[in-house]
Amino acid sequence: MSSDPVPNEPGSNEPVRSEPAPEWDPGDLTGLEVSAQALIRTVDALTAEELAAPSLLPGWTRAHVVAHVALNGFALAGVLDGLVHDQPVAMYESDEQRDAQIGELAEAEPSDLRERHLAATTAFADAVEPLRDEHWSGHIDRLPGGPAWPAVTVVPTRRREVEIHHADLGASYTRADWPRDFVAELLDTVVVDHAASGPFQLRATDLGRDWSVGGDGGPTVMGAGADLGWWLTGRGAGEGLSCSAGELPSLGPWRRAAAGPPA
């Protein structure tokens, strides 16, 4: 089974500079808890047949998506625990190990898969609770030796995993259900990640906000914020969007930039 085709992770093998603890609370789980509980409700409602059905991600069933979200939660909890105890560990030993674990959990009994998903949600929240300023100024490694990104971004990173993959299930929850605050944060992030595809401008007609991608100038892409986010994360062909130049700009693959905390 191939890896998640659109990872919510850094795209560079270079370690990132540690960032000072920000003025906002990087351990605030309020938004993530709303997103996580919504996903739990969806997963718990899926039958065994529905879990075995294809998701919106090529090559992955819905069970693969749930398994990935669960194992991502455990992996992030592990690296946060390492920060607290000054014993750094990477999220995964290798991509091969990660993919094998996803495939194995996806084949588990539905009750076991649901239990693991719920446990991962709890494990991540428990791992965030003891973090202090000196921990938030550190960084997290995806694999041994990198790529890495600042620890202060871990909660919004986890929320992106939960919200984007919730919609990837192709069940009752779609991008139109994304919370408005999540959509704004997602766009704040992906416009940085896609800088090399610019310059062009974004206008979220429902949020009343504009973003620049890769600098000033270029065409303007308009539509609902969720439709913009869906397109910029490599999903769909720009359904619901319009562009002042007629055709939408060409995008490269979405890969997380090694950036600091979200604006």
C-alpha atoms as a PDB file:
ATOM      1  CA  MET A   1       0.000   0.000   0.000  1.00  0.00           C
ATOM      2  CA  SER A   2       1.421   3.363  -0.984  1.00  0.00           C
ATOM      3  CA  SER A   3       1.793   6.174   1.486  1.00  0.00           C
ATOM      4  CA  ASP A   4      -0.738   8.932   1.949  1.00  0.00           C
ATOM      5  CA  PRO A   5      -0.655  10.690  -1.468  1.00  0.00           C
ATOM      6  CA  VAL A   6      -0.964  14.186   0.004  1.00  0.00           C
ATOM      7  CA  PRO A   7       0.961  14.276   3.275  1.00  0.00           C
ATOM      8  CA  ASN A   8       0.467  17.022   5.824  1.00  0.00           C
ATOM      9  CA  GLU A   9       4.195  17.055   6.564  1.00  0.00           C
ATOM     10  CA  PRO A  10       7.353  19.041   5.754  1.00  0.00           C
ATOM     11  CA  GLY A  11       8.844  18.511   2.332  1.00  0.00           C
ATOM     12  CA  SER A  12      12.485  19.199   3.188  1.00  0.00           C
ATOM     13  CA  ASN A  13      15.088  16.902   4.684  1.00  0.00           C
ATOM     14  CA  GLU A  14      16.786  19.851   6.333  1.00  0.00           C
ATOM     15  CA  PRO A  15      16.140  20.318  10.073  1.00  0.00           C
ATOM     16  CA  VAL A  16      14.310  23.504  10.940  1.00  0.00           C
ATOM     17  CA  ARG A  17      15.409  26.179  13.348  1.00  0.00           C
ATOM     18  CA  SER A  18      13.777  25.984  16.763  1.00  0.00           C
ATOM     19  CA  GLU A  19      11.190  28.701  17.318  1.00  0.00           C
ATOM     20  CA  PRO A  20      10.576  30.611  20.554  1.00  0.00           C
ATOM     21  CA  ALA A  21       7.308  29.844  22.300  1.00  0.00           C
ATOM     22  CA  PRO A  22       4.644  32.120  20.758  1.00  0.00           C
ATOM     23  CA  GLU A  23       2.254  34.483  22.536  1.00  0.00           C
ATOM     24  CA  TRP A  24      -0.738  32.346  21.491  1.00  0.00           C
ATOM     25  CA  ASP A  25      -1.248  29.078  23.341  1.00  0.00           C
ATOM     26  CA  PRO A  26       0.154  26.272  21.158  1.00  0.00           C
ATOM     27  CA  GLY A  27      -1.446  23.698  23.458  1.00  0.00           C
ATOM     28  CA  ASP A  28      -4.991  24.982  23.007  1.00  0.00           C
ATOM     29  CA  LEU A  29      -6.994  21.928  21.956  1.00  0.00           C
ATOM     30  CA  THR A  30     -10.398  23.642  21.654  1.00  0.00           C
ATOM     31  CA  GLY A  31     -10.681  23.506  17.868  1.00  0.00           C
ATOM     32  CA  LEU A  32      -9.019  20.115  17.584  1.00  0.00           C
ATOM     33  CA  GLU A  33     -11.407  18.589  20.116  1.00  0.00           C
ATOM     34  CA  VAL A  34     -14.399  19.717  18.040  1.00  0.00           C
ATOM     35  CA  SER A  35     -12.841  18.242  14.895  1.00  0.00           C
ATOM     36  CA  ALA A  36     -11.802  15.002  16.607  1.00  0.00           C
ATOM     37  CA  GLN A  37     -15.218  14.375  18.113  1.00  0.00           C
ATOM     38  CA  ALA A  38     -16.887  14.906  14.735  1.00  0.00           C
ATOM     39  CA  LEU A  39     -14.571  12.320  13.154  1.00  0.00           C
ATOM     40  CA  ILE A  40     -15.193   9.861  15.987  1.00  0.00           C
ATOM     41  CA  ARG A  41     -18.948  10.124  15.377  1.00  0.00           C
ATOM     42  CA  THR A  42     -18.485   9.446  11.660  1.00  0.00           C
ATOM     43  CA  VAL A  43     -16.139   6.485  12.194  1.00  0.00           C
ATOM     44  CA  ASP A  44     -18.404   4.947  14.817  1.00  0.00           C
ATOM     45  CA  ALA A  45     -21.358   5.156  12.423  1.00  0.00           C
ATOM     46  CA  LEU A  46     -19.610   3.373   9.538  1.00  0.00           C
ATOM     47  CA  THR A  47     -20.492  -0.284   9.061  1.00  0.00           C
ATOM     48  CA  ALA A  48     -17.881  -2.939   8.279  1.00  0.00           C
ATOM     49  CA  GLU A  49     -18.921  -2.793   4.611  1.00  0.00           C
ATOM     50  CA  GLU A  50     -18.645   0.983   4.531  1.00  0.00           C
ATOM     51  CA  LEU A  51     -15.182   0.906   6.126  1.00  0.00           C
ATOM     52  CA  ALA A  52     -14.045  -1.568   3.477  1.00  0.00           C
ATOM     53  CA  ALA A  53     -15.315   0.653   0.650  1.00  0.00           C
ATOM     54  CA  PRO A  54     -12.955   2.954  -1.281  1.00  0.00           C
ATOM     55  CA  SER A  55     -12.190   6.376   0.158  1.00  0.00           C
ATOM     56  CA  LEU A  56     -11.515   9.469  -1.946  1.00  0.00           C
ATOM     57  CA  LEU A  57      -7.758   8.748  -1.732  1.00  0.00           C
ATOM     58  CA  PRO A  58      -6.492   6.514  -4.561  1.00  0.00           C
ATOM     59  CA  GLY A  59      -5.673   3.016  -3.345  1.00  0.00           C
ATOM     60  CA  TRP A  60      -7.022   3.513   0.159  1.00  0.00           C
ATOM     61  CA  THR A  61     -10.217   2.205   1.664  1.00  0.00           C
ATOM     62  CA  ARG A  62     -11.978   4.156   4.372  1.00  0.00           C
ATOM     63  CA  ALA A  63     -10.359   1.786   6.863  1.00  0.00           C
ATOM     64  CA  HIS A  64      -6.918   2.834   5.586  1.00  0.00           C
ATOM     65  CA  VAL A  65      -7.789   6.490   6.143  1.00  0.00           C
ATOM     66  CA  VAL A  66      -9.000   5.823   9.700  1.00  0.00           C
ATOM     67  CA  ALA A  67      -5.919   3.703  10.400  1.00  0.00           C
ATOM     68  CA  HIS A  68      -3.651   6.479   9.147  1.00  0.00           C
ATOM     69  CA  VAL A  69      -5.332   9.109  11.325  1.00  0.00           C
ATOM     70  CA  ALA A  70      -5.111   6.833  14.357  1.00  0.00           C
ATOM     71  CA  LEU A  71      -1.448   5.945  13.845  1.00  0.00           C
ATOM     72  CA  ASN A  72      -0.593   9.594  13.158  1.00  0.00           C
ATOM     73  CA  GLY A  73      -2.111  10.473  16.533  1.00  0.00           C
ATOM     74  CA  PHE A  74      -0.052   7.827  18.317  1.00  0.00           C
ATOM     75  CA  ALA A  75       3.103   8.889  16.441  1.00  0.00           C
ATOM     76  CA  LEU A  76       2.664  12.560  17.354  1.00  0.00           C
ATOM     77  CA  ALA A  77       1.926  11.616  20.964  1.00  0.00           C
ATOM     78  CA  GLY A  78       5.172   9.650  21.023  1.00  0.00           C
ATOM     79  CA  VAL A  79       7.344  12.523  19.831  1.00  0.00           C
ATOM     80  CA  LEU A  80       5.675  14.930  22.279  1.00  0.00           C
ATOM     81  CA  ASP A  81       6.375  12.528  25.126  1.00  0.00           C
ATOM     82  CA  GLY A  82       9.971  12.447  23.935  1.00  0.00           C
ATOM     83  CA  LEU A  83      10.163  16.225  24.173  1.00  0.00           C
ATOM     84  CA  VAL A  84       8.871  16.183  27.746  1.00  0.00           C
ATOM     85  CA  HIS A  85      11.376  13.544  28.841  1.00  0.00           C
ATOM     86  CA  ASP A  86      14.269  14.950  26.756  1.00  0.00           C
ATOM     87  CA  GLN A  87      14.447  11.715  24.813  1.00  0.00           C
ATOM     88  CA  PRO A  88      13.762  12.728  21.189  1.00  0.00           C
ATOM     89  CA  VAL A  89      12.189  10.123  18.946  1.00  0.00           C
ATOM     90  CA  ALA A  90      10.931  10.322  15.373  1.00  0.00           C
ATOM     91  CA  MET A  91       7.318   9.777  14.419  1.00  0.00           C
ATOM     92  CA  TYR A  92       8.182   6.783  12.257  1.00  0.00           C
ATOM     93  CA  GLU A  93      11.217   4.528  11.905  1.00  0.00           C
ATOM     94  CA  SER A  94      10.742   4.583   8.120  1.00  0.00           C
ATOM     95  CA  ASP A  95       8.071   5.162   5.496  1.00  0.00           C
ATOM     96  CA  GLU A  96       7.979   1.407   4.921  1.00  0.00           C
ATOM     97  CA  GLN A  97       7.217   0.785   8.599  1.00  0.00           C
ATOM     98  CA  ARG A  98       4.527   3.471   8.550  1.00  0.00           C
ATOM     99  CA  ASP A  99       2.829   2.056   5.456  1.00  0.00           C
ATOM    100  CA  ALA A 100       2.965  -1.506   6.792  1.00  0.00           C
ATOM    101  CA  GLN A 101       1.348  -0.469  10.074  1.00  0.00           C
ATOM    102  CA  ILE A 102      -1.421   1.387   8.241  1.00  0.00           C
ATOM    103  CA  GLY A 103      -2.115  -1.660   6.086  1.00  0.00           C
ATOM    104  CA  GLU A 104      -2.161  -3.951   9.102  1.00  0.00           C
ATOM    105  CA  LEU A 105      -4.539  -1.795  11.141  1.00  0.00           C
ATOM    106  CA  ALA A 106      -6.804  -1.277   8.133  1.00  0.00           C
ATOM    107  CA  GLU A 107      -7.342  -5.055   8.032  1.00  0.00           C
ATOM    108  CA  ALA A 108      -8.281  -5.238  11.730  1.00  0.00           C
ATOM    109  CA  GLU A 109     -11.801  -5.917  12.918  1.00  0.00           C
ATOM    110  CA  PRO A 110     -13.917  -2.736  12.707  1.00  0.00           C
ATOM    111  CA  SER A 111     -14.385  -2.692  16.475  1.00  0.00           C
ATOM    112  CA  ASP A 112     -10.608  -2.825  16.973  1.00  0.00           C
ATOM    113  CA  LEU A 113     -10.060  -0.072  14.416  1.00  0.00           C
ATOM    114  CA  ARG A 114     -12.619   2.171  16.132  1.00  0.00           C
ATOM    115  CA  GLU A 115     -11.050   1.465  19.522  1.00  0.00           C
ATOM    116  CA  ARG A 116      -7.570   2.336  18.266  1.00  0.00           C
ATOM    117  CA  HIS A 117      -8.830   5.530  16.661  1.00  0.00           C
ATOM    118  CA  LEU A 118     -10.479   6.631  19.904  1.00  0.00           C
ATOM    119  CA  ALA A 119      -7.369   5.705  21.899  1.00  0.00           C
ATOM    120  CA  ALA A 120      -5.166   7.770  19.570  1.00  0.00           C
ATOM    121  CA  THR A 121      -7.376  10.800  20.091  1.00  0.00           C
ATOM    122  CA  THR A 122      -6.980  10.458  23.853  1.00  0.00           C
ATOM    123  CA  ALA A 123      -3.236   9.729  23.619  1.00  0.00           C
ATOM    124  CA  PHE A 124      -2.558  12.895  21.642  1.00  0.00           C
ATOM    125  CA  ALA A 125      -4.518  15.107  24.055  1.00  0.00           C
ATOM    126  CA  ASP A 126      -2.760  13.516  27.024  1.00  0.00           C
ATOM    127  CA  ALA A 127       0.643  14.094  25.399  1.00  0.00           C
ATOM    128  CA  VAL A 128      -0.039  17.811  24.855  1.00  0.00           C
ATOM    129  CA  GLU A 129      -1.106  18.503  28.454  1.00  0.00           C
ATOM    130  CA  PRO A 130       2.359  18.377  30.150  1.00  0.00           C
ATOM    131  CA  LEU A 131       4.146  20.498  27.509  1.00  0.00           C
ATOM    132  CA  ARG A 132       5.696  23.751  28.755  1.00  0.00           C
ATOM    133  CA  ASP A 133       7.401  26.701  27.041  1.00  0.00           C
ATOM    134  CA  GLU A 134      10.772  24.962  26.886  1.00  0.00           C
ATOM    135  CA  HIS A 135       9.176  22.030  25.063  1.00  0.00           C
ATOM    136  CA  TRP A 136       7.284  24.167  22.568  1.00  0.00           C
ATOM    137  CA  SER A 137      10.551  25.760  21.434  1.00  0.00           C
ATOM    138  CA  GLY A 138      11.808  22.388  20.194  1.00  0.00           C
ATOM    139  CA  HIS A 139      11.130  20.553  16.960  1.00  0.00           C
ATOM    140  CA  ILE A 140       9.602  17.277  15.811  1.00  0.00           C
ATOM    141  CA  ASP A 141      11.213  14.773  13.441  1.00  0.00           C
ATOM    142  CA  ARG A 142       9.056  12.817  11.038  1.00  0.00           C
ATOM    143  CA  LEU A 143      11.801  10.228  10.377  1.00  0.00           C
ATOM    144  CA  PRO A 144      15.181   9.733  12.085  1.00  0.00           C
ATOM    145  CA  GLY A 145      17.277  12.650  10.868  1.00  0.00           C
ATOM    146  CA  GLY A 146      14.307  14.618   9.523  1.00  0.00           C
ATOM    147  CA  PRO A 147      12.397  16.185   7.950  1.00  0.00           C
ATOM    148  CA  ALA A 148      11.481  18.257  10.975  1.00  0.00           C
ATOM    149  CA  TRP A 149       9.182  21.110  11.894  1.00  0.00           C
ATOM    150  CA  PRO A 150       8.585  23.307  14.972  1.00  0.00           C
ATOM    151  CA  ALA A 151       6.778  21.716  17.896  1.00  0.00           C
ATOM    152  CA  VAL A 152       4.535  24.779  18.210  1.00  0.00           C
ATOM    153  CA  THR A 153       2.758  23.744  15.003  1.00  0.00           C
ATOM    154  CA  VAL A 154       1.826  20.245  16.183  1.00  0.00           C
ATOM    155  CA  VAL A 155      -1.769  20.962  17.282  1.00  0.00           C
ATOM    156  CA  PRO A 156      -2.831  22.691  14.027  1.00  0.00           C
ATOM    157  CA  THR A 157      -0.950  19.972  12.138  1.00  0.00           C
ATOM    158  CA  ARG A 158      -2.994  17.310  13.911  1.00  0.00           C
ATOM    159  CA  ARG A 159      -6.205  19.205  13.244  1.00  0.00           C
ATOM    160  CA  ARG A 160      -5.413  19.309   9.531  1.00  0.00           C
ATOM    161  CA  GLU A 161      -4.903  15.540   9.602  1.00  0.00           C
ATOM    162  CA  VAL A 162      -8.281  15.062  11.268  1.00  0.00           C
ATOM    163  CA  GLU A 163     -10.333  17.503   9.178  1.00  0.00           C
ATOM    164  CA  ILE A 164      -8.847  16.793   5.755  1.00  0.00           C
ATOM    165  CA  HIS A 165      -8.943  13.032   6.160  1.00  0.00           C
ATOM    166  CA  HIS A 166     -12.466  13.211   7.608  1.00  0.00           C
ATOM    167  CA  ALA A 167     -13.560  14.604   4.246  1.00  0.00           C
ATOM    168  CA  ASP A 168     -11.333  12.073   2.445  1.00  0.00           C
ATOM    169  CA  LEU A 169     -13.529   9.279   3.821  1.00  0.00           C
ATOM    170  CA  GLY A 170     -16.127  10.200   1.224  1.00  0.00           C
ATOM    171  CA  ALA A 171     -18.908   9.607   3.744  1.00  0.00           C
ATOM    172  CA  SER A 172     -21.449  12.064   5.117  1.00  0.00           C
ATOM    173  CA  TYR A 173     -18.845  14.692   6.110  1.00  0.00           C
ATOM    174  CA  THR A 174     -17.449  16.849   3.305  1.00  0.00           C
ATOM    175  CA  ARG A 175     -15.240  19.906   2.975  1.00  0.00           C
ATOM    176  CA  ALA A 176     -18.414  22.002   3.179  1.00  0.00           C
ATOM    177  CA  ASP A 177     -18.634  20.883   6.829  1.00  0.00           C
ATOM    178  CA  TRP A 178     -15.182  22.199   7.747  1.00  0.00           C
ATOM    179  CA  PRO A 179     -15.398  24.812  10.545  1.00  0.00           C
ATOM    180  CA  ARG A 180     -14.772  28.373   9.343  1.00  0.00           C
ATOM    181  CA  ASP A 181     -11.832  28.893  11.685  1.00  0.00           C
ATOM    182  CA  PHE A 182     -10.206  25.710  10.380  1.00  0.00           C
ATOM    183  CA  VAL A 183     -10.649  26.804   6.765  1.00  0.00           C
ATOM    184  CA  ALA A 184      -8.946  30.136   7.470  1.00  0.00           C
ATOM    185  CA  GLU A 185      -6.027  28.416   9.255  1.00  0.00           C
ATOM    186  CA  LEU A 186      -5.696  25.870   6.451  1.00  0.00           C
ATOM    187  CA  LEU A 187      -5.486  28.622   3.833  1.00  0.00           C
ATOM    188  CA  ASP A 188      -2.965  30.543   5.954  1.00  0.00           C
ATOM    189  CA  THR A 189      -0.796  27.427   5.783  1.00  0.00           C
ATOM    190  CA  VAL A 190      -1.186  26.126   2.242  1.00  0.00           C
ATOM    191  CA  VAL A 191      -0.550  29.498   0.586  1.00  0.00           C
ATOM    192  CA  VAL A 192       2.966  29.315   2.050  1.00  0.00           C
ATOM    193  CA  ASP A 193       3.376  25.701   0.971  1.00  0.00           C
ATOM    194  CA  HIS A 194       2.407  26.541  -2.647  1.00  0.00           C
ATOM    195  CA  ALA A 195       4.582  29.660  -2.996  1.00  0.00           C
ATOM    196  CA  ALA A 196       6.521  28.061  -5.864  1.00  0.00           C
ATOM    197  CA  SER A 197       3.290  27.728  -7.873  1.00  0.00           C
ATOM    198  CA  GLY A 198       2.621  31.485  -7.776  1.00  0.00           C
ATOM    199  CA  PRO A 199       2.209  34.252  -8.143  1.00  0.00           C
ATOM    200  CA  PHE A 200      -1.566  34.243  -7.957  1.00  0.00           C
ATOM    201  CA  GLN A 201      -4.199  35.510  -5.562  1.00  0.00           C
ATOM    202  CA  LEU A 202      -6.954  33.789  -3.608  1.00  0.00           C
ATOM    203  CA  ARG A 203     -10.314  35.273  -2.633  1.00  0.00           C
ATOM    204  CA  ALA A 204     -12.479  33.289  -0.213  1.00  0.00           C
ATOM    205  CA  THR A 205     -15.882  34.716  -1.010  1.00  0.00           C
ATOM    206  CA  ASP A 206     -17.535  33.343   2.135  1.00  0.00           C
ATOM    207  CA  LEU A 207     -14.768  34.437   4.513  1.00  0.00           C
ATOM    208  CA  GLY A 208     -14.222  37.934   3.119  1.00  0.00           C
ATOM    209  CA  ARG A 209     -10.453  37.364   2.996  1.00  0.00           C
ATOM    210  CA  ASP A 210      -7.737  37.422   0.354  1.00  0.00           C
ATOM    211  CA  TRP A 211      -4.368  35.654   0.251  1.00  0.00           C
ATOM    212  CA  SER A 212      -1.302  36.020  -1.981  1.00  0.00           C
ATOM    213  CA  VAL A 213       0.428  32.882  -3.207  1.00  0.00           C
ATOM    214  CA  GLY A 214       4.051  33.335  -4.182  1.00  0.00           C
ATOM    215  CA  GLY A 215       3.956  37.137  -4.276  1.00  0.00           C
ATOM    216  CA  ASP A 216       1.879  39.930  -5.748  1.00  0.00           C
ATOM    217  CA  GLY A 217       0.183  39.831  -9.106  1.00  0.00           C
ATOM    218  CA  GLY A 218      -1.091  37.003 -11.225  1.00  0.00           C
ATOM    219  CA  PRO A 219      -4.670  35.830 -11.670  1.00  0.00           C
ATOM    220  CA  THR A 220      -7.228  35.693  -8.867  1.00  0.00           C
ATOM    221  CA  VAL A 221      -8.857  32.387  -7.926  1.00  0.00           C
ATOM    222  CA  MET A 222     -12.242  32.853  -6.257  1.00  0.00           C
ATOM    223  CA  GLY A 223     -14.625  30.586  -4.412  1.00  0.00           C
ATOM    224  CA  ALA A 224     -15.668  29.327  -1.013  1.00  0.00           C
ATOM    225  CA  GLY A 225     -12.775  28.914   1.392  1.00  0.00           C
ATOM    226  CA  ALA A 226     -13.338  25.164   1.719  1.00  0.00           C
ATOM    227  CA  ASP A 227     -13.279  24.736  -2.067  1.00  0.00           C
ATOM    228  CA  LEU A 228     -10.007  26.690  -2.212  1.00  0.00           C
ATOM    229  CA  GLY A 229      -8.529  24.542   0.549  1.00  0.00           C
ATOM    230  CA  TRP A 230      -9.659  21.314  -1.117  1.00  0.00           C
ATOM    231  CA  TRP A 231      -8.002  22.323  -4.386  1.00  0.00           C
ATOM    232  CA  LEU A 232      -4.791  23.530  -2.727  1.00  0.00           C
ATOM    233  CA  THR A 233      -4.389  20.260  -0.810  1.00  0.00           C
ATOM    234  CA  GLY A 234      -4.427  18.340  -4.083  1.00  0.00           C
ATOM    235  CA  ARG A 235      -8.006  17.159  -4.040  1.00  0.00           C
ATOM    236  CA  GLY A 236     -10.418  17.533  -6.908  1.00  0.00           C
ATOM    237  CA  ALA A 237      -9.970  19.670 -10.000  1.00  0.00           C
ATOM    238  CA  GLY A 238     -11.076  23.004  -8.577  1.00  0.00           C
ATOM    239  CA  GLU A 239     -14.798  22.320  -8.434  1.00  0.00           C
ATOM    240  CA  GLY A 240     -16.683  25.424  -7.300  1.00  0.00           C
ATOM    241  CA  LEU A 241     -13.819  27.791  -8.176  1.00  0.00           C
ATOM    242  CA  SER A 242     -13.419  30.444 -10.847  1.00  0.00           C
ATOM    243  CA  CYS A 243     -10.331  32.260 -12.065  1.00  0.00           C
ATOM    244  CA  SER A 244      -9.875  35.700 -13.599  1.00  0.00           C
ATOM    245  CA  ALA A 245      -7.557  34.122 -16.190  1.00  0.00           C
ATOM    246  CA  GLY A 246     -10.092  31.464 -17.160  1.00  0.00           C
ATOM    247  CA  GLU A 247      -8.077  28.362 -16.283  1.00  0.00           C
ATOM    248  CA  LEU A 248      -6.897  27.717 -12.745  1.00  0.00           C
ATOM    249  CA  PRO A 249      -3.141  28.017 -12.078  1.00  0.00           C
ATOM    250  CA  SER A 250      -1.134  24.815 -12.248  1.00  0.00           C
ATOM    251  CA  LEU A 251      -0.171  23.497  -8.822  1.00  0.00           C
ATOM    252  CA  GLY A 252       2.732  21.327  -7.784  1.00  0.00           C
ATOM    253  CA  PRO A 253       2.205  18.537  -5.220  1.00  0.00           C
ATOM    254  CA  TRP A 254       1.214  19.759  -1.762  1.00  0.00           C
ATOM    255  CA  ARG A 255       4.165  19.341   0.564  1.00  0.00           C
ATOM    256  CA  ARG A 256       4.365  21.051   3.948  1.00  0.00           C
ATOM    257  CA  ALA A 257       6.992  23.787   4.013  1.00  0.00           C
ATOM    258  CA  ALA A 258       9.394  23.761   6.954  1.00  0.00           C
ATOM    259  CA  ALA A 259       7.818  26.878   8.421  1.00  0.00           C
ATOM    260  CA  GLY A 260       7.227  28.435  11.793  1.00  0.00           C
ATOM    261  CA  PRO A 261       3.969  28.636  13.717  1.00  0.00           C
ATOM    262  CA  PRO A 262       0.783  29.598  11.873  1.00  0.00           C
ATOM    263  CA  ALA A 263      -0.141  33.266  11.667  1.00  0.00           C
END
